Amino acid sequence: MTVAVIGAGAVGGTLAAALDRAGRDVVVTARGEHREAIRRDGLLLTGGWGDHRARVAVREALDERPDLAIIAVKAQDADRAVAENASALRGTDVLVVQNGLGGAERVAAALPESAVLGGLALYAASFLSPGRVAITTPGPTILGPVDADRDAEALARVASALGAAVPVTTTTNLVGAQWTKLIVNQVNALPAITGMSVQDVVRVPVLRQVMTASMREAVVVARARGVRFEPMSGLGEGLLTVFSMAPLRWAEILPQQMARRMGSTPNPGSTLQSIRRGQPTEIDHLNGAVVAEGRAVGLPTPVNERLVALVHEVESTGRFVPPARVPREVFRRR
């Protein structure tokens, strides 16, 4: 079986190396120093799933149609990735492993001849350097079809292929899973703003309050949109409902529990990793998605709106924001 991974960064590189270890024929797309490192030395996976050096083929773009294609680029790069590889993606199974809302649905619209699934990585991975990725917190990948009626067989095929390499669970409630993951991804903004790990952010009371407030905004918007949260990472419909209504001091327990599950290895979050590499972040598809969805139902989301603005400030200036300034910016009156 041939598997192509478009975007061999932290998440995609992890899947590519794990699939190679499971005996799949793997080709990845990469550019610049990362491509040259993979071509020269292979793709090295370390951390929570053990060590493996994957000798995979590397291309700038796919030149043949694989049996399974995994799109693991950032949300803002997905349209370009599909366009550059369209001829190789048509008619094959496509798995879009991406944060945010609607990414798999947009790919499905662009590739009507393909069975398109959405994937959510519940493991934490870091891009250490060109050719090197590491698992900091193990976890499964959740798979769900964009069209549950049409693509049930594709879901079974992809779950079987990927499940031979990494832990996999499946759902038919892809939208609910995307929203639950969006709640989990609320941990990303503050590390990107401050330069601190998720665990360190959660240890600071005023930053923990900001994180809790942003998560609660997201839950309220999701409920207004009629979303049924898919259980994952200890989160689900009942817990998130209580979380959205509990006094703030009790609600803060949730991000503390999430940080504890990450273990002792500092987790920078994907948004901070992008900033450290000088790349555009996907904040507009994380906290920014909450803002956009809130506007669609007439709900204000000032905490998420200001977190997006602060991440963009760090992107443009190259300077992290002192932790003491963050709550002043986020909770200031309009």
C-alpha atoms as a PDB file:
ATOM      1  CA  MET A   1       0.000   0.000   0.000  1.00  0.00           C
ATOM      2  CA  THR A   2       1.338   3.425  -0.968  1.00  0.00           C
ATOM      3  CA  VAL A   3       0.632   6.326   1.379  1.00  0.00           C
ATOM      4  CA  ALA A   4       1.443   9.931   0.545  1.00  0.00           C
ATOM      5  CA  VAL A   5       1.764  12.498   3.326  1.00  0.00           C
ATOM      6  CA  ILE A   6       1.414  16.063   2.104  1.00  0.00           C
ATOM      7  CA  GLY A   7       3.106  18.204   4.729  1.00  0.00           C
ATOM      8  CA  ALA A   8       5.664  16.248   6.771  1.00  0.00           C
ATOM      9  CA  GLY A   9       5.780  18.638   9.731  1.00  0.00           C
ATOM     10  CA  ALA A  10       5.169  17.682  13.350  1.00  0.00           C
ATOM     11  CA  VAL A  11       1.872  15.853  12.766  1.00  0.00           C
ATOM     12  CA  GLY A  12       2.422  14.696   9.193  1.00  0.00           C
ATOM     13  CA  GLY A  13       6.023  13.678   9.843  1.00  0.00           C
ATOM     14  CA  THR A  14       4.914  11.595  12.811  1.00  0.00           C
ATOM     15  CA  LEU A  15       2.314   9.759  10.733  1.00  0.00           C
ATOM     16  CA  ALA A  16       4.766   9.241   7.867  1.00  0.00           C
ATOM     17  CA  ALA A  17       7.440   7.730  10.120  1.00  0.00           C
ATOM     18  CA  ALA A  18       4.920   5.528  11.937  1.00  0.00           C
ATOM     19  CA  LEU A  19       3.467   4.262   8.643  1.00  0.00           C
ATOM     20  CA  ASP A  20       6.966   3.500   7.347  1.00  0.00           C
ATOM     21  CA  ARG A  21       7.672   1.538  10.523  1.00  0.00           C
ATOM     22  CA  ALA A  22       4.433  -0.414   9.896  1.00  0.00           C
ATOM     23  CA  GLY A  23       5.690  -1.454   6.459  1.00  0.00           C
ATOM     24  CA  ARG A  24       3.797   0.968   4.239  1.00  0.00           C
ATOM     25  CA  ASP A  25       5.377   2.460   1.123  1.00  0.00           C
ATOM     26  CA  VAL A  26       5.509   6.147   2.115  1.00  0.00           C
ATOM     27  CA  VAL A  27       6.193   9.304   0.121  1.00  0.00           C
ATOM     28  CA  VAL A  28       6.127  12.744   1.718  1.00  0.00           C
ATOM     29  CA  THR A  29       6.130  16.289   0.442  1.00  0.00           C
ATOM     30  CA  ALA A  30       8.504  18.796   1.976  1.00  0.00           C
ATOM     31  CA  ARG A  31      10.555  21.812   0.952  1.00  0.00           C
ATOM     32  CA  GLY A  32      13.826  23.542   1.656  1.00  0.00           C
ATOM     33  CA  GLU A  33      16.094  22.281   4.428  1.00  0.00           C
ATOM     34  CA  HIS A  34      13.463  19.834   5.652  1.00  0.00           C
ATOM     35  CA  ARG A  35      13.274  18.141   2.260  1.00  0.00           C
ATOM     36  CA  GLU A  36      17.066  17.944   1.962  1.00  0.00           C
ATOM     37  CA  ALA A  37      17.415  16.516   5.491  1.00  0.00           C
ATOM     38  CA  ILE A  38      14.817  13.806   4.774  1.00  0.00           C
ATOM     39  CA  ARG A  39      16.436  12.998   1.444  1.00  0.00           C
ATOM     40  CA  ARG A  40      19.883  12.770   3.047  1.00  0.00           C
ATOM     41  CA  ASP A  41      19.220  11.216   6.467  1.00  0.00           C
ATOM     42  CA  GLY A  42      15.613  10.051   6.477  1.00  0.00           C
ATOM     43  CA  LEU A  43      12.842  11.223   8.782  1.00  0.00           C
ATOM     44  CA  LEU A  44      13.662  10.629  12.460  1.00  0.00           C
ATOM     45  CA  LEU A  45      10.793  10.082  14.908  1.00  0.00           C
ATOM     46  CA  THR A  46      11.569  10.089  18.639  1.00  0.00           C
ATOM     47  CA  GLY A  47       9.632  10.404  21.877  1.00  0.00           C
ATOM     48  CA  GLY A  48       6.497   8.736  23.175  1.00  0.00           C
ATOM     49  CA  TRP A  49       6.134   6.169  20.384  1.00  0.00           C
ATOM     50  CA  GLY A  50       9.770   5.114  20.405  1.00  0.00           C
ATOM     51  CA  ASP A  51      12.523   5.926  17.941  1.00  0.00           C
ATOM     52  CA  HIS A  52      12.442   5.187  14.226  1.00  0.00           C
ATOM     53  CA  ARG A  53      14.350   6.550  11.254  1.00  0.00           C
ATOM     54  CA  ALA A  54      12.089   6.372   8.207  1.00  0.00           C
ATOM     55  CA  ARG A  55      13.742   6.197   4.800  1.00  0.00           C
ATOM     56  CA  VAL A  56      10.848   7.648   2.851  1.00  0.00           C
ATOM     57  CA  ALA A  57      10.676   9.139  -0.614  1.00  0.00           C
ATOM     58  CA  VAL A  58      10.383  12.933  -0.604  1.00  0.00           C
ATOM     59  CA  ARG A  59       8.949  15.216  -3.284  1.00  0.00           C
ATOM     60  CA  GLU A  60       7.947  18.843  -3.624  1.00  0.00           C
ATOM     61  CA  ALA A  61       4.642  17.636  -5.075  1.00  0.00           C
ATOM     62  CA  LEU A  62       3.167  14.204  -5.750  1.00  0.00           C
ATOM     63  CA  ASP A  63       3.834  12.742  -9.185  1.00  0.00           C
ATOM     64  CA  GLU A  64       1.752   9.543  -8.819  1.00  0.00           C
ATOM     65  CA  ARG A  65      -1.613   8.716  -7.273  1.00  0.00           C
ATOM     66  CA  PRO A  66      -1.239   6.879  -3.941  1.00  0.00           C
ATOM     67  CA  ASP A  67      -3.681   4.441  -2.359  1.00  0.00           C
ATOM     68  CA  LEU A  68      -4.134   6.885   0.526  1.00  0.00           C
ATOM     69  CA  ALA A  69      -3.221  10.555   0.721  1.00  0.00           C
ATOM     70  CA  ILE A  70      -2.884  12.347   4.068  1.00  0.00           C
ATOM     71  CA  ILE A  71      -3.042  16.144   3.964  1.00  0.00           C
ATOM     72  CA  ALA A  72      -1.335  17.403   7.119  1.00  0.00           C
ATOM     73  CA  VAL A  73      -0.499  21.003   6.277  1.00  0.00           C
ATOM     74  CA  LYS A  74      -1.720  23.959   8.333  1.00  0.00           C
ATOM     75  CA  ALA A  75      -5.277  25.059   7.658  1.00  0.00           C
ATOM     76  CA  GLN A  76      -4.195  28.176   5.776  1.00  0.00           C
ATOM     77  CA  ASP A  77      -2.072  26.076   3.386  1.00  0.00           C
ATOM     78  CA  ALA A  78      -4.641  23.394   2.547  1.00  0.00           C
ATOM     79  CA  ASP A  79      -6.130  24.990  -0.572  1.00  0.00           C
ATOM     80  CA  ARG A  80      -2.678  25.441  -2.094  1.00  0.00           C
ATOM     81  CA  ALA A  81      -1.675  21.871  -1.181  1.00  0.00           C
ATOM     82  CA  VAL A  82      -4.764  20.444  -2.858  1.00  0.00           C
ATOM     83  CA  ALA A  83      -4.245  22.560  -5.978  1.00  0.00           C
ATOM     84  CA  GLU A  84      -0.578  21.552  -6.303  1.00  0.00           C
ATOM     85  CA  ASN A  85      -1.387  17.844  -5.942  1.00  0.00           C
ATOM     86  CA  ALA A  86      -4.865  17.694  -7.472  1.00  0.00           C
ATOM     87  CA  SER A  87      -4.076  15.227 -10.263  1.00  0.00           C
ATOM     88  CA  ALA A  88      -2.648  12.720  -7.761  1.00  0.00           C
ATOM     89  CA  LEU A  89      -5.519  13.171  -5.290  1.00  0.00           C
ATOM     90  CA  ARG A  90      -8.500  12.690  -7.601  1.00  0.00           C
ATOM     91  CA  GLY A  91     -10.274   9.399  -7.051  1.00  0.00           C
ATOM     92  CA  THR A  92      -8.222   8.210  -4.078  1.00  0.00           C
ATOM     93  CA  ASP A  93      -8.937   8.127  -0.338  1.00  0.00           C
ATOM     94  CA  VAL A  94      -7.932  11.442   1.250  1.00  0.00           C
ATOM     95  CA  LEU A  95      -7.486  12.055   4.980  1.00  0.00           C
ATOM     96  CA  VAL A  96      -7.262  15.695   6.082  1.00  0.00           C
ATOM     97  CA  VAL A  97      -5.541  15.900   9.482  1.00  0.00           C
ATOM     98  CA  GLN A  98      -6.012  19.480  10.507  1.00  0.00           C
ATOM     99  CA  ASN A  99      -7.080  21.781  13.323  1.00  0.00           C
ATOM    100  CA  GLY A 100      -9.989  24.182  13.034  1.00  0.00           C
ATOM    101  CA  LEU A 101     -13.384  23.874  11.402  1.00  0.00           C
ATOM    102  CA  GLY A 102     -14.396  22.943   7.884  1.00  0.00           C
ATOM    103  CA  GLY A 103     -11.021  21.934   6.469  1.00  0.00           C
ATOM    104  CA  ALA A 104     -12.017  18.434   5.389  1.00  0.00           C
ATOM    105  CA  GLU A 105     -15.285  19.791   4.003  1.00  0.00           C
ATOM    106  CA  ARG A 106     -13.430  22.272   1.774  1.00  0.00           C
ATOM    107  CA  VAL A 107     -11.140  19.529   0.478  1.00  0.00           C
ATOM    108  CA  ALA A 108     -14.180  17.328  -0.248  1.00  0.00           C
ATOM    109  CA  ALA A 109     -15.726  20.144  -2.284  1.00  0.00           C
ATOM    110  CA  ALA A 110     -12.496  20.491  -4.279  1.00  0.00           C
ATOM    111  CA  LEU A 111     -12.167  16.706  -4.841  1.00  0.00           C
ATOM    112  CA  PRO A 112     -15.684  15.386  -5.522  1.00  0.00           C
ATOM    113  CA  GLU A 113     -14.325  12.141  -7.007  1.00  0.00           C
ATOM    114  CA  SER A 114     -12.443  11.263  -3.805  1.00  0.00           C
ATOM    115  CA  ALA A 115     -13.603   9.854  -0.493  1.00  0.00           C
ATOM    116  CA  VAL A 116     -12.549  12.526   2.005  1.00  0.00           C
ATOM    117  CA  LEU A 117     -12.200  11.984   5.740  1.00  0.00           C
ATOM    118  CA  GLY A 118     -11.324  14.398   8.509  1.00  0.00           C
ATOM    119  CA  GLY A 119      -8.638  13.505  11.022  1.00  0.00           C
ATOM    120  CA  LEU A 120      -7.878  14.992  14.427  1.00  0.00           C
ATOM    121  CA  ALA A 121      -4.505  14.307  16.043  1.00  0.00           C
ATOM    122  CA  LEU A 122      -4.871  13.927  19.800  1.00  0.00           C
ATOM    123  CA  TYR A 123      -1.167  13.292  20.235  1.00  0.00           C
ATOM    124  CA  ALA A 124       1.207  16.211  20.819  1.00  0.00           C
ATOM    125  CA  ALA A 125       4.125  16.343  18.405  1.00  0.00           C
ATOM    126  CA  SER A 126       6.994  18.775  17.953  1.00  0.00           C
ATOM    127  CA  PHE A 127       9.051  19.646  14.900  1.00  0.00           C
ATOM    128  CA  LEU A 128      12.552  19.621  16.434  1.00  0.00           C
ATOM    129  CA  SER A 129      14.627  20.487  13.386  1.00  0.00           C
ATOM    130  CA  PRO A 130      14.692  19.616   9.668  1.00  0.00           C
ATOM    131  CA  GLY A 131      14.187  15.865   9.390  1.00  0.00           C
ATOM    132  CA  ARG A 132      13.351  15.370  13.098  1.00  0.00           C
ATOM    133  CA  VAL A 133       9.967  15.158  14.842  1.00  0.00           C
ATOM    134  CA  ALA A 134       9.066  13.972  18.330  1.00  0.00           C
ATOM    135  CA  ILE A 135       5.991  12.795  20.212  1.00  0.00           C
ATOM    136  CA  THR A 136       5.707  14.683  23.503  1.00  0.00           C
ATOM    137  CA  THR A 137       2.313  13.250  24.505  1.00  0.00           C
ATOM    138  CA  PRO A 138       0.988  10.025  22.910  1.00  0.00           C
ATOM    139  CA  GLY A 139      -2.645   9.833  21.869  1.00  0.00           C
ATOM    140  CA  PRO A 140      -4.961   8.563  19.133  1.00  0.00           C
ATOM    141  CA  THR A 141      -6.006  10.009  15.809  1.00  0.00           C
ATOM    142  CA  ILE A 142      -9.767  10.384  15.379  1.00  0.00           C
ATOM    143  CA  LEU A 143     -11.161   9.740  11.903  1.00  0.00           C
ATOM    144  CA  GLY A 144     -14.568  10.747  10.588  1.00  0.00           C
ATOM    145  CA  PRO A 145     -16.110  10.983   7.099  1.00  0.00           C
ATOM    146  CA  VAL A 146     -17.334  14.224   5.587  1.00  0.00           C
ATOM    147  CA  ASP A 147     -20.206  12.250   4.020  1.00  0.00           C
ATOM    148  CA  ALA A 148     -21.035   9.468   6.478  1.00  0.00           C
ATOM    149  CA  ASP A 149     -23.493   7.733   4.138  1.00  0.00           C
ATOM    150  CA  ARG A 150     -21.254   7.716   1.065  1.00  0.00           C
ATOM    151  CA  ASP A 151     -17.853   7.120   2.639  1.00  0.00           C
ATOM    152  CA  ALA A 152     -18.440   4.455   5.307  1.00  0.00           C
ATOM    153  CA  GLU A 153     -16.299   1.946   3.388  1.00  0.00           C
ATOM    154  CA  ALA A 154     -13.506   4.484   2.984  1.00  0.00           C
ATOM    155  CA  LEU A 155     -13.590   5.136   6.729  1.00  0.00           C
ATOM    156  CA  ALA A 156     -13.084   1.413   7.358  1.00  0.00           C
ATOM    157  CA  ARG A 157     -10.239   1.201   4.820  1.00  0.00           C
ATOM    158  CA  VAL A 158      -8.359   4.207   6.169  1.00  0.00           C
ATOM    159  CA  ALA A 159      -8.898   3.212   9.803  1.00  0.00           C
ATOM    160  CA  SER A 160      -7.441  -0.210   9.042  1.00  0.00           C
ATOM    161  CA  ALA A 161      -4.431   1.187   7.171  1.00  0.00           C
ATOM    162  CA  LEU A 162      -3.610   3.912   9.677  1.00  0.00           C
ATOM    163  CA  GLY A 163      -4.498   1.762  12.678  1.00  0.00           C
ATOM    164  CA  ALA A 164      -1.655  -0.603  11.825  1.00  0.00           C
ATOM    165  CA  ALA A 165       0.748   2.258  12.547  1.00  0.00           C
ATOM    166  CA  VAL A 166      -0.829   4.504  15.216  1.00  0.00           C
ATOM    167  CA  PRO A 167      -3.778   4.390  17.642  1.00  0.00           C
ATOM    168  CA  VAL A 168      -7.007   5.229  15.790  1.00  0.00           C
ATOM    169  CA  THR A 169     -10.635   5.771  16.750  1.00  0.00           C
ATOM    170  CA  THR A 170     -13.537   6.585  14.426  1.00  0.00           C
ATOM    171  CA  THR A 171     -16.670   8.697  14.579  1.00  0.00           C
ATOM    172  CA  THR A 172     -19.532   9.630  12.289  1.00  0.00           C
ATOM    173  CA  ASN A 173     -19.924  12.961  14.139  1.00  0.00           C
ATOM    174  CA  LEU A 174     -17.047  14.783  12.457  1.00  0.00           C
ATOM    175  CA  VAL A 175     -18.377  18.280  13.134  1.00  0.00           C
ATOM    176  CA  GLY A 176     -18.825  17.510  16.837  1.00  0.00           C
ATOM    177  CA  ALA A 177     -15.294  16.091  16.949  1.00  0.00           C
ATOM    178  CA  GLN A 178     -13.895  19.197  15.239  1.00  0.00           C
ATOM    179  CA  TRP A 179     -15.564  21.413  17.838  1.00  0.00           C
ATOM    180  CA  THR A 180     -14.310  19.354  20.786  1.00  0.00           C
ATOM    181  CA  LYS A 181     -10.801  19.515  19.320  1.00  0.00           C
ATOM    182  CA  LEU A 182     -11.258  23.274  18.877  1.00  0.00           C
ATOM    183  CA  ILE A 183     -11.891  23.506  22.631  1.00  0.00           C
ATOM    184  CA  VAL A 184      -8.692  21.516  23.239  1.00  0.00           C
ATOM    185  CA  ASN A 185      -6.816  23.827  20.846  1.00  0.00           C
ATOM    186  CA  GLN A 186      -7.667  26.835  23.006  1.00  0.00           C
ATOM    187  CA  VAL A 187      -4.423  25.967  24.818  1.00  0.00           C
ATOM    188  CA  ASN A 188      -2.423  27.166  21.782  1.00  0.00           C
ATOM    189  CA  ALA A 189      -2.870  30.940  21.788  1.00  0.00           C
ATOM    190  CA  LEU A 190      -1.302  31.863  25.129  1.00  0.00           C
ATOM    191  CA  PRO A 191       1.950  29.929  24.591  1.00  0.00           C
ATOM    192  CA  ALA A 192       2.273  31.680  21.224  1.00  0.00           C
ATOM    193  CA  ILE A 193       1.684  35.059  22.872  1.00  0.00           C
ATOM    194  CA  THR A 194       4.020  34.575  25.847  1.00  0.00           C
ATOM    195  CA  GLY A 195       6.620  32.098  24.544  1.00  0.00           C
ATOM    196  CA  MET A 196       5.816  29.740  27.436  1.00  0.00           C
ATOM    197  CA  SER A 197       4.818  26.076  27.333  1.00  0.00           C
ATOM    198  CA  VAL A 198       1.192  25.086  27.833  1.00  0.00           C
ATOM    199  CA  GLN A 199       2.017  23.662  31.252  1.00  0.00           C
ATOM    200  CA  ASP A 200       3.760  26.875  32.353  1.00  0.00           C
ATOM    201  CA  VAL A 201       0.876  29.035  31.103  1.00  0.00           C
ATOM    202  CA  VAL A 202      -1.622  27.023  33.116  1.00  0.00           C
ATOM    203  CA  ARG A 203       0.478  27.422  36.266  1.00  0.00           C
ATOM    204  CA  VAL A 204       0.099  31.228  36.122  1.00  0.00           C
ATOM    205  CA  PRO A 205      -3.301  32.127  37.674  1.00  0.00           C
ATOM    206  CA  VAL A 206      -4.077  35.167  35.499  1.00  0.00           C
ATOM    207  CA  LEU A 207      -3.151  33.318  32.296  1.00  0.00           C
ATOM    208  CA  ARG A 208      -5.192  30.301  33.384  1.00  0.00           C
ATOM    209  CA  GLN A 209      -8.173  32.619  33.817  1.00  0.00           C
ATOM    210  CA  VAL A 210      -7.727  33.936  30.275  1.00  0.00           C
ATOM    211  CA  MET A 211      -7.502  30.400  28.874  1.00  0.00           C
ATOM    212  CA  THR A 212     -10.609  29.361  30.786  1.00  0.00           C
ATOM    213  CA  ALA A 213     -12.522  32.387  29.508  1.00  0.00           C
ATOM    214  CA  SER A 214     -11.570  31.674  25.887  1.00  0.00           C
ATOM    215  CA  MET A 215     -12.642  28.034  26.220  1.00  0.00           C
ATOM    216  CA  ARG A 216     -15.978  29.044  27.734  1.00  0.00           C
ATOM    217  CA  GLU A 217     -16.653  31.450  24.869  1.00  0.00           C
ATOM    218  CA  ALA A 218     -16.015  28.625  22.421  1.00  0.00           C
ATOM    219  CA  VAL A 219     -18.387  26.255  24.229  1.00  0.00           C
ATOM    220  CA  VAL A 220     -21.162  28.871  24.312  1.00  0.00           C
ATOM    221  CA  VAL A 221     -20.777  29.538  20.578  1.00  0.00           C
ATOM    222  CA  ALA A 222     -20.812  25.817  19.771  1.00  0.00           C
ATOM    223  CA  ARG A 223     -24.012  25.313  21.741  1.00  0.00           C
ATOM    224  CA  ALA A 224     -25.615  28.242  19.919  1.00  0.00           C
ATOM    225  CA  ARG A 225     -24.626  26.557  16.632  1.00  0.00           C
ATOM    226  CA  GLY A 226     -26.391  23.358  17.710  1.00  0.00           C
ATOM    227  CA  VAL A 227     -23.188  21.324  17.955  1.00  0.00           C
ATOM    228  CA  ARG A 228     -23.191  17.969  19.741  1.00  0.00           C
ATOM    229  CA  PHE A 229     -19.693  17.617  21.183  1.00  0.00           C
ATOM    230  CA  GLU A 230     -17.940  14.350  20.389  1.00  0.00           C
ATOM    231  CA  PRO A 231     -16.222  12.833  23.466  1.00  0.00           C
ATOM    232  CA  MET A 232     -12.431  13.038  23.364  1.00  0.00           C
ATOM    233  CA  SER A 233      -9.523  13.756  25.716  1.00  0.00           C
ATOM    234  CA  GLY A 234     -11.848  13.536  28.710  1.00  0.00           C
ATOM    235  CA  LEU A 235     -14.161  16.185  27.248  1.00  0.00           C
ATOM    236  CA  GLY A 236     -17.758  15.658  26.206  1.00  0.00           C
ATOM    237  CA  GLU A 237     -21.218  17.170  26.094  1.00  0.00           C
ATOM    238  CA  GLY A 238     -21.972  16.919  29.824  1.00  0.00           C
ATOM    239  CA  LEU A 239     -18.626  18.125  31.125  1.00  0.00           C
ATOM    240  CA  LEU A 240     -18.407  21.049  28.706  1.00  0.00           C
ATOM    241  CA  THR A 241     -21.951  22.142  29.563  1.00  0.00           C
ATOM    242  CA  VAL A 242     -21.085  22.239  33.262  1.00  0.00           C
ATOM    243  CA  PHE A 243     -17.777  23.938  32.473  1.00  0.00           C
ATOM    244  CA  SER A 244     -19.525  26.745  30.586  1.00  0.00           C
ATOM    245  CA  MET A 245     -21.836  27.525  33.521  1.00  0.00           C
ATOM    246  CA  ALA A 246     -19.659  26.853  36.588  1.00  0.00           C
ATOM    247  CA  PRO A 247     -18.063  29.641  38.640  1.00  0.00           C
ATOM    248  CA  LEU A 248     -14.728  30.651  37.119  1.00  0.00           C
ATOM    249  CA  ARG A 249     -12.637  29.228  39.974  1.00  0.00           C
ATOM    250  CA  TRP A 250     -14.191  25.803  39.401  1.00  0.00           C
ATOM    251  CA  ALA A 251     -14.031  26.033  35.618  1.00  0.00           C
ATOM    252  CA  GLU A 252     -10.260  26.609  35.853  1.00  0.00           C
ATOM    253  CA  ILE A 253      -9.878  23.006  36.941  1.00  0.00           C
ATOM    254  CA  LEU A 254     -10.413  21.877  33.343  1.00  0.00           C
ATOM    255  CA  PRO A 255      -7.318  23.511  31.778  1.00  0.00           C
ATOM    256  CA  GLN A 256      -5.321  22.313  34.785  1.00  0.00           C
ATOM    257  CA  GLN A 257      -6.431  18.745  34.088  1.00  0.00           C
ATOM    258  CA  MET A 258      -5.609  19.133  30.396  1.00  0.00           C
ATOM    259  CA  ALA A 259      -2.098  20.357  31.234  1.00  0.00           C
ATOM    260  CA  ARG A 260      -1.539  17.439  33.610  1.00  0.00           C
ATOM    261  CA  ARG A 261      -2.462  14.962  30.876  1.00  0.00           C
ATOM    262  CA  MET A 262       0.337  16.415  28.752  1.00  0.00           C
ATOM    263  CA  GLY A 263       2.910  15.100  31.217  1.00  0.00           C
ATOM    264  CA  SER A 264       6.183  16.696  32.241  1.00  0.00           C
ATOM    265  CA  THR A 265       7.682  17.296  28.781  1.00  0.00           C
ATOM    266  CA  PRO A 266       7.051  20.976  27.937  1.00  0.00           C
ATOM    267  CA  ASN A 267       4.380  21.242  25.258  1.00  0.00           C
ATOM    268  CA  PRO A 268       4.788  24.422  23.193  1.00  0.00           C
ATOM    269  CA  GLY A 269       1.617  23.946  21.184  1.00  0.00           C
ATOM    270  CA  SER A 270       1.512  24.087  17.396  1.00  0.00           C
ATOM    271  CA  THR A 271       1.016  27.863  17.202  1.00  0.00           C
ATOM    272  CA  LEU A 272       4.171  28.663  19.176  1.00  0.00           C
ATOM    273  CA  GLN A 273       6.089  26.152  17.057  1.00  0.00           C
ATOM    274  CA  SER A 274       5.073  28.093  13.949  1.00  0.00           C
ATOM    275  CA  ILE A 275       6.203  31.380  15.504  1.00  0.00           C
ATOM    276  CA  ARG A 276       9.556  29.907  16.492  1.00  0.00           C
ATOM    277  CA  ARG A 277      10.082  28.782  12.891  1.00  0.00           C
ATOM    278  CA  GLY A 278       9.081  32.190  11.542  1.00  0.00           C
ATOM    279  CA  GLN A 279       6.028  30.757   9.785  1.00  0.00           C
ATOM    280  CA  PRO A 280       2.450  32.104   9.696  1.00  0.00           C
ATOM    281  CA  THR A 281       0.308  30.566  12.421  1.00  0.00           C
ATOM    282  CA  GLU A 282      -3.123  29.005  12.078  1.00  0.00           C
ATOM    283  CA  ILE A 283      -4.609  31.222  14.809  1.00  0.00           C
ATOM    284  CA  ASP A 284      -7.287  32.543  12.426  1.00  0.00           C
ATOM    285  CA  HIS A 285      -8.524  28.950  12.111  1.00  0.00           C
ATOM    286  CA  LEU A 286      -8.435  28.273  15.881  1.00  0.00           C
ATOM    287  CA  ASN A 287      -9.482  31.190  18.097  1.00  0.00           C
ATOM    288  CA  GLY A 288     -10.370  33.028  14.912  1.00  0.00           C
ATOM    289  CA  ALA A 289     -12.862  30.282  14.048  1.00  0.00           C
ATOM    290  CA  VAL A 290     -14.626  30.916  17.357  1.00  0.00           C
ATOM    291  CA  VAL A 291     -14.845  34.616  16.493  1.00  0.00           C
ATOM    292  CA  ALA A 292     -16.261  33.894  13.028  1.00  0.00           C
ATOM    293  CA  GLU A 293     -18.776  31.349  14.300  1.00  0.00           C
ATOM    294  CA  GLY A 294     -19.806  33.731  17.073  1.00  0.00           C
ATOM    295  CA  ARG A 295     -20.530  36.460  14.534  1.00  0.00           C
ATOM    296  CA  ALA A 296     -22.652  34.030  12.538  1.00  0.00           C
ATOM    297  CA  VAL A 297     -25.003  33.567  15.518  1.00  0.00           C
ATOM    298  CA  GLY A 298     -24.735  37.108  16.867  1.00  0.00           C
ATOM    299  CA  LEU A 299     -22.613  36.263  19.918  1.00  0.00           C
ATOM    300  CA  PRO A 300     -19.679  38.474  20.952  1.00  0.00           C
ATOM    301  CA  THR A 301     -16.363  36.691  21.553  1.00  0.00           C
ATOM    302  CA  PRO A 302     -14.070  39.453  22.877  1.00  0.00           C
ATOM    303  CA  VAL A 303     -11.595  37.123  24.615  1.00  0.00           C
ATOM    304  CA  ASN A 304     -10.922  35.074  21.497  1.00  0.00           C
ATOM    305  CA  GLU A 305     -10.855  38.209  19.350  1.00  0.00           C
ATOM    306  CA  ARG A 306      -8.146  39.792  21.480  1.00  0.00           C
ATOM    307  CA  LEU A 307      -6.113  36.607  21.684  1.00  0.00           C
ATOM    308  CA  VAL A 308      -6.077  36.479  17.876  1.00  0.00           C
ATOM    309  CA  ALA A 309      -4.884  40.099  17.788  1.00  0.00           C
ATOM    310  CA  LEU A 310      -2.099  39.386  20.297  1.00  0.00           C
ATOM    311  CA  VAL A 311      -0.845  36.370  18.338  1.00  0.00           C
ATOM    312  CA  HIS A 312      -0.728  38.500  15.196  1.00  0.00           C
ATOM    313  CA  GLU A 313       1.185  41.141  17.153  1.00  0.00           C
ATOM    314  CA  VAL A 314       3.818  38.566  18.077  1.00  0.00           C
ATOM    315  CA  GLU A 315       3.955  37.371  14.465  1.00  0.00           C
ATOM    316  CA  SER A 316       4.553  40.900  13.190  1.00  0.00           C
ATOM    317  CA  THR A 317       6.953  42.160  15.880  1.00  0.00           C
ATOM    318  CA  GLY A 318       8.849  38.985  16.760  1.00  0.00           C
ATOM    319  CA  ARG A 319       8.483  39.865  20.459  1.00  0.00           C
ATOM    320  CA  PHE A 320       6.537  37.882  23.028  1.00  0.00           C
ATOM    321  CA  VAL A 321       4.065  39.659  25.304  1.00  0.00           C
ATOM    322  CA  PRO A 322       4.848  39.839  29.040  1.00  0.00           C
ATOM    323  CA  PRO A 323       2.354  37.635  30.936  1.00  0.00           C
ATOM    324  CA  ALA A 324       1.190  40.548  33.122  1.00  0.00           C
ATOM    325  CA  ARG A 325       0.070  42.486  30.045  1.00  0.00           C
ATOM    326  CA  VAL A 326      -2.113  39.711  28.654  1.00  0.00           C
ATOM    327  CA  PRO A 327      -5.085  39.934  31.051  1.00  0.00           C
ATOM    328  CA  ARG A 328      -5.049  43.742  30.802  1.00  0.00           C
ATOM    329  CA  GLU A 329      -5.423  43.459  27.029  1.00  0.00           C
ATOM    330  CA  VAL A 330      -7.939  40.609  27.052  1.00  0.00           C
ATOM    331  CA  PHE A 331     -10.259  41.834  29.795  1.00  0.00           C
ATOM    332  CA  ARG A 332     -10.149  45.561  29.053  1.00  0.00           C
ATOM    333  CA  ARG A 333     -13.487  47.197  28.365  1.00  0.00           C
ATOM    334  CA  ARG A 334     -14.398  48.012  24.820  1.00  0.00           C
END
